[in-house]
Amino acid sequence: MLDIPFSKIRSFIGIDPGKEGAIARIDANREILLLCDIPLTPDKSAISKRGLAEIFSRFSNEDVFAIEDSKAMKIKDEKTGEVRDQSPASMLTFGINRGILEGLILWTGAYYREVPPRTWQAPLGVKGKSNGKSNTSQIALSLFPNAVLYEKGRGNILIEKNGRSDALNMAEWLRRQCERNAPNEEDLELN
């Protein structure tokens, strides 16, 4: 249970733990303090533990975290529309990444919450993928117009960075939850 008053929370951090995931950090006024992809090793085969440690060195127990729940392990085949479990290799990678991230969150001593996608998506109006598309980037851009959610790829084609959108939307969902549910300072002084 969150035991810090809303006014004392330094920032709200959303984490999409996938290999193509991201970390977003916002303040109570919805200013983006950090928006970055999960750092990878030089060969891009795994997440960079050293890179994550550098990012997490900026966080403290005055921050709060939302990390996407590991039960989100279903994928939709864009050709057939069939929903199935991810491959064992993908699930293992996701589990390892999530474990590293959760360990780093615990190291900060901060409050955190595991959040299934539908829990943070529905209140923000994010629609799940249909025909391989989601409106998560549009929602994130409406909330954070200056967010960099696309990068130039080969041939200067813009590539959407869904992990960034998801992380930003999770951080905003968390900010709203804390604003609504955090104890006030007077209540904590009475205990």
Protein backbone atom coordinates (compact mmCIF):
# COMPACT_ATOMS: atom_id res chain seq x y z
CA MET A 1 0.00 0.00 0.00
CA LEU A 2 1.22 3.47 -0.87
CA ASP A 3 2.21 5.31 2.29
CA ILE A 4 3.56 8.59 0.85
CA PRO A 5 1.31 11.63 0.37
CA PHE A 6 0.86 12.67 -3.25
CA SER A 7 2.68 15.96 -2.60
CA LYS A 8 5.82 14.06 -1.52
CA ILE A 9 6.02 11.78 -4.56
CA ARG A 10 8.93 12.95 -6.69
CA SER A 11 8.00 11.15 -9.90
CA PHE A 12 5.88 8.44 -11.52
CA ILE A 13 7.69 5.79 -13.53
CA GLY A 14 6.13 3.43 -16.06
CA ILE A 15 8.09 0.45 -17.32
CA ASP A 16 7.40 -1.73 -20.34
CA PRO A 17 9.84 -4.59 -19.58
CA GLY A 18 10.02 -6.15 -23.05
CA LYS A 19 13.23 -6.25 -25.10
CA GLU A 20 11.74 -3.41 -27.15
CA GLY A 21 10.33 -1.83 -24.00
CA ALA A 22 10.98 1.52 -22.41
CA ILE A 23 11.10 3.51 -19.19
CA ALA A 24 9.13 6.74 -18.76
CA ARG A 25 9.38 9.10 -15.80
CA ILE A 26 6.99 12.01 -15.32
CA ASP A 27 6.32 14.46 -12.50
CA ALA A 28 3.00 15.49 -10.92
CA ASN A 29 2.56 18.18 -13.60
CA ARG A 30 2.99 15.62 -16.42
CA GLU A 31 6.41 16.90 -17.42
CA ILE A 32 8.54 14.17 -18.99
CA LEU A 33 11.68 13.76 -16.90
CA LEU A 34 12.95 10.67 -18.72
CA LEU A 35 11.81 8.69 -21.75
CA CYS A 36 14.19 6.03 -22.99
CA ASP A 37 14.23 2.59 -24.51
CA ILE A 38 15.35 -0.33 -22.38
CA PRO A 39 19.14 -0.27 -22.91
CA LEU A 40 20.53 -3.22 -24.85
CA THR A 41 23.94 -4.81 -25.11
CA PRO A 42 26.02 -3.72 -28.14
CA ASP A 43 24.90 -6.77 -30.14
CA LYS A 44 21.26 -6.07 -29.12
CA SER A 45 20.80 -9.66 -27.96
CA ALA A 46 19.93 -8.81 -24.34
CA ILE A 47 19.19 -5.92 -22.04
CA SER A 48 22.20 -4.09 -20.63
CA LYS A 49 22.30 -4.56 -16.88
CA ARG A 50 24.94 -1.84 -16.62
CA GLY A 51 22.76 0.54 -18.66
CA LEU A 52 19.77 -0.18 -16.44
CA ALA A 53 21.83 0.33 -13.28
CA GLU A 54 22.89 3.76 -14.59
CA ILE A 55 19.25 4.72 -15.22
CA PHE A 56 18.05 3.38 -11.87
CA SER A 57 20.80 5.23 -9.98
CA ARG A 58 18.66 8.37 -10.54
CA PHE A 59 15.64 6.92 -8.73
CA SER A 60 14.85 6.80 -5.01
CA ASN A 61 12.18 5.77 -2.53
CA GLU A 62 10.39 9.07 -3.31
CA ASP A 63 9.49 7.73 -6.75
CA VAL A 64 6.67 5.28 -7.52
CA PHE A 65 6.72 2.63 -10.24
CA ALA A 66 4.27 0.71 -12.41
CA ILE A 67 5.72 -2.27 -14.26
CA GLU A 68 3.73 -4.25 -16.80
CA ASP A 69 2.59 -7.56 -15.38
CA SER A 70 4.31 -10.70 -16.63
CA LYS A 71 0.96 -12.39 -17.26
CA ALA A 72 0.77 -10.39 -20.50
CA MET A 73 2.30 -13.22 -22.47
CA LYS A 74 -0.19 -13.61 -25.32
CA ILE A 75 0.44 -12.43 -28.86
CA LYS A 76 -1.84 -12.09 -31.85
CA ASP A 77 -0.69 -13.47 -35.20
CA GLU A 78 -1.21 -10.60 -37.64
CA LYS A 79 -1.86 -12.97 -40.57
CA THR A 80 -4.27 -15.43 -38.99
CA GLY A 81 -5.67 -13.35 -36.12
CA GLU A 82 -4.96 -16.30 -33.82
CA VAL A 83 -4.08 -15.45 -30.21
CA ARG A 84 -1.45 -17.71 -28.68
CA ASP A 85 1.23 -17.83 -26.03
CA GLN A 86 4.57 -16.29 -26.91
CA SER A 87 7.41 -18.64 -27.74
CA PRO A 88 9.32 -20.16 -24.82
CA ALA A 89 12.38 -18.09 -25.78
CA SER A 90 10.33 -14.84 -25.76
CA MET A 91 8.77 -15.72 -22.41
CA LEU A 92 12.18 -16.50 -20.93
CA THR A 93 13.63 -13.20 -22.18
CA PHE A 94 10.62 -11.29 -20.85
CA GLY A 95 10.91 -13.04 -17.47
CA ILE A 96 14.63 -12.37 -17.15
CA ASN A 97 14.21 -8.71 -18.11
CA ARG A 98 11.31 -8.27 -15.74
CA GLY A 99 13.24 -9.93 -12.90
CA ILE A 100 16.21 -7.61 -13.39
CA LEU A 101 13.92 -4.58 -13.48
CA GLU A 102 11.98 -5.69 -10.41
CA GLY A 103 15.24 -6.23 -8.52
CA LEU A 104 16.37 -2.71 -9.39
CA ILE A 105 13.03 -1.26 -8.28
CA LEU A 106 13.32 -3.11 -4.95
CA TRP A 107 16.87 -1.74 -4.59
CA THR A 108 15.49 1.82 -4.68
CA GLY A 109 13.14 1.03 -1.79
CA ALA A 110 10.28 2.61 -3.75
CA TYR A 111 6.63 1.64 -3.93
CA TYR A 112 5.78 -0.30 -7.07
CA ARG A 113 2.82 -1.97 -8.60
CA GLU A 114 2.53 -4.77 -11.15
CA VAL A 115 -0.08 -3.76 -13.69
CA PRO A 116 -1.76 -5.92 -16.35
CA PRO A 117 -2.13 -4.04 -19.65
CA ARG A 118 -5.93 -3.88 -19.52
CA THR A 119 -5.77 -2.22 -16.08
CA TRP A 120 -3.84 0.83 -17.30
CA GLN A 121 -5.15 0.85 -20.88
CA ALA A 122 -8.92 1.05 -20.27
CA PRO A 123 -8.97 4.23 -18.09
CA LEU A 124 -6.82 6.06 -20.64
CA GLY A 125 -8.86 4.92 -23.63
CA VAL A 126 -6.11 2.75 -25.10
CA LYS A 127 -7.57 0.12 -27.41
CA GLY A 128 -5.91 -3.25 -27.63
CA LYS A 129 -4.39 -4.34 -30.88
CA SER A 130 -6.82 -5.05 -33.66
CA ASN A 131 -5.46 -5.73 -37.12
CA GLY A 132 -2.00 -5.40 -35.55
CA LYS A 133 -2.65 -1.74 -34.61
CA SER A 134 -3.12 0.02 -31.28
CA ASN A 135 -3.89 3.64 -30.45
CA THR A 136 -1.35 3.76 -27.60
CA SER A 137 0.88 6.26 -29.43
CA GLN A 138 -2.03 8.57 -30.22
CA ILE A 139 -3.10 8.56 -26.56
CA ALA A 140 0.46 9.20 -25.38
CA LEU A 141 0.88 12.08 -27.85
CA SER A 142 -2.41 13.64 -26.76
CA LEU A 143 -1.18 13.59 -23.14
CA PHE A 144 2.46 14.39 -23.90
CA PRO A 145 2.64 16.34 -27.20
CA ASN A 146 6.44 16.73 -27.01
CA ALA A 147 7.16 13.04 -26.50
CA VAL A 148 9.53 11.43 -29.00
CA LEU A 149 7.70 8.23 -29.92
CA TYR A 150 9.16 7.68 -33.39
CA GLU A 151 12.69 7.26 -34.70
CA LYS A 152 14.08 7.31 -38.19
CA GLY A 153 14.96 3.89 -39.48
CA ARG A 154 16.52 2.76 -42.75
CA GLY A 155 15.65 5.01 -45.62
CA ASN A 156 14.46 7.69 -43.15
CA ILE A 157 11.24 5.74 -42.56
CA LEU A 158 9.69 6.63 -39.20
CA ILE A 159 9.49 3.68 -36.83
CA GLU A 160 7.01 3.74 -33.96
CA LYS A 161 8.51 2.94 -30.56
CA ASN A 162 5.52 1.28 -28.87
CA GLY A 163 7.45 0.64 -25.67
CA ARG A 164 7.82 4.39 -25.13
CA SER A 165 4.09 4.97 -25.63
CA ASP A 166 3.19 2.16 -23.26
CA ALA A 167 5.66 3.32 -20.60
CA LEU A 168 4.39 6.92 -20.79
CA ASN A 169 0.77 5.82 -20.60
CA MET A 170 1.54 3.58 -17.61
CA ALA A 171 3.29 6.47 -15.84
CA GLU A 172 0.26 8.71 -16.44
CA TRP A 173 -2.12 5.98 -15.23
CA LEU A 174 0.02 5.63 -12.09
CA ARG A 175 0.06 9.41 -11.53
CA ARG A 176 -3.75 9.46 -11.67
CA GLN A 177 -4.03 6.47 -9.32
CA CYS A 178 -1.70 8.07 -6.78
CA GLU A 179 -3.44 11.43 -7.01
CA ARG A 180 -6.76 9.73 -6.29
CA ASN A 181 -5.62 7.19 -3.67
CA ALA A 182 -2.49 8.47 -1.89
CA PRO A 183 -2.95 9.36 1.78
CA ASN A 184 -2.77 13.02 2.71
CA GLU A 185 -0.08 14.29 5.06
CA GLU A 186 -2.49 14.82 8.00
CA ASP A 187 -3.63 11.18 7.91
CA LEU A 188 -0.03 9.95 8.07
CA GLU A 189 0.80 12.24 11.00
CA LEU A 190 -2.08 10.73 13.02
CA ASN A 191 -0.65 7.20 12.74
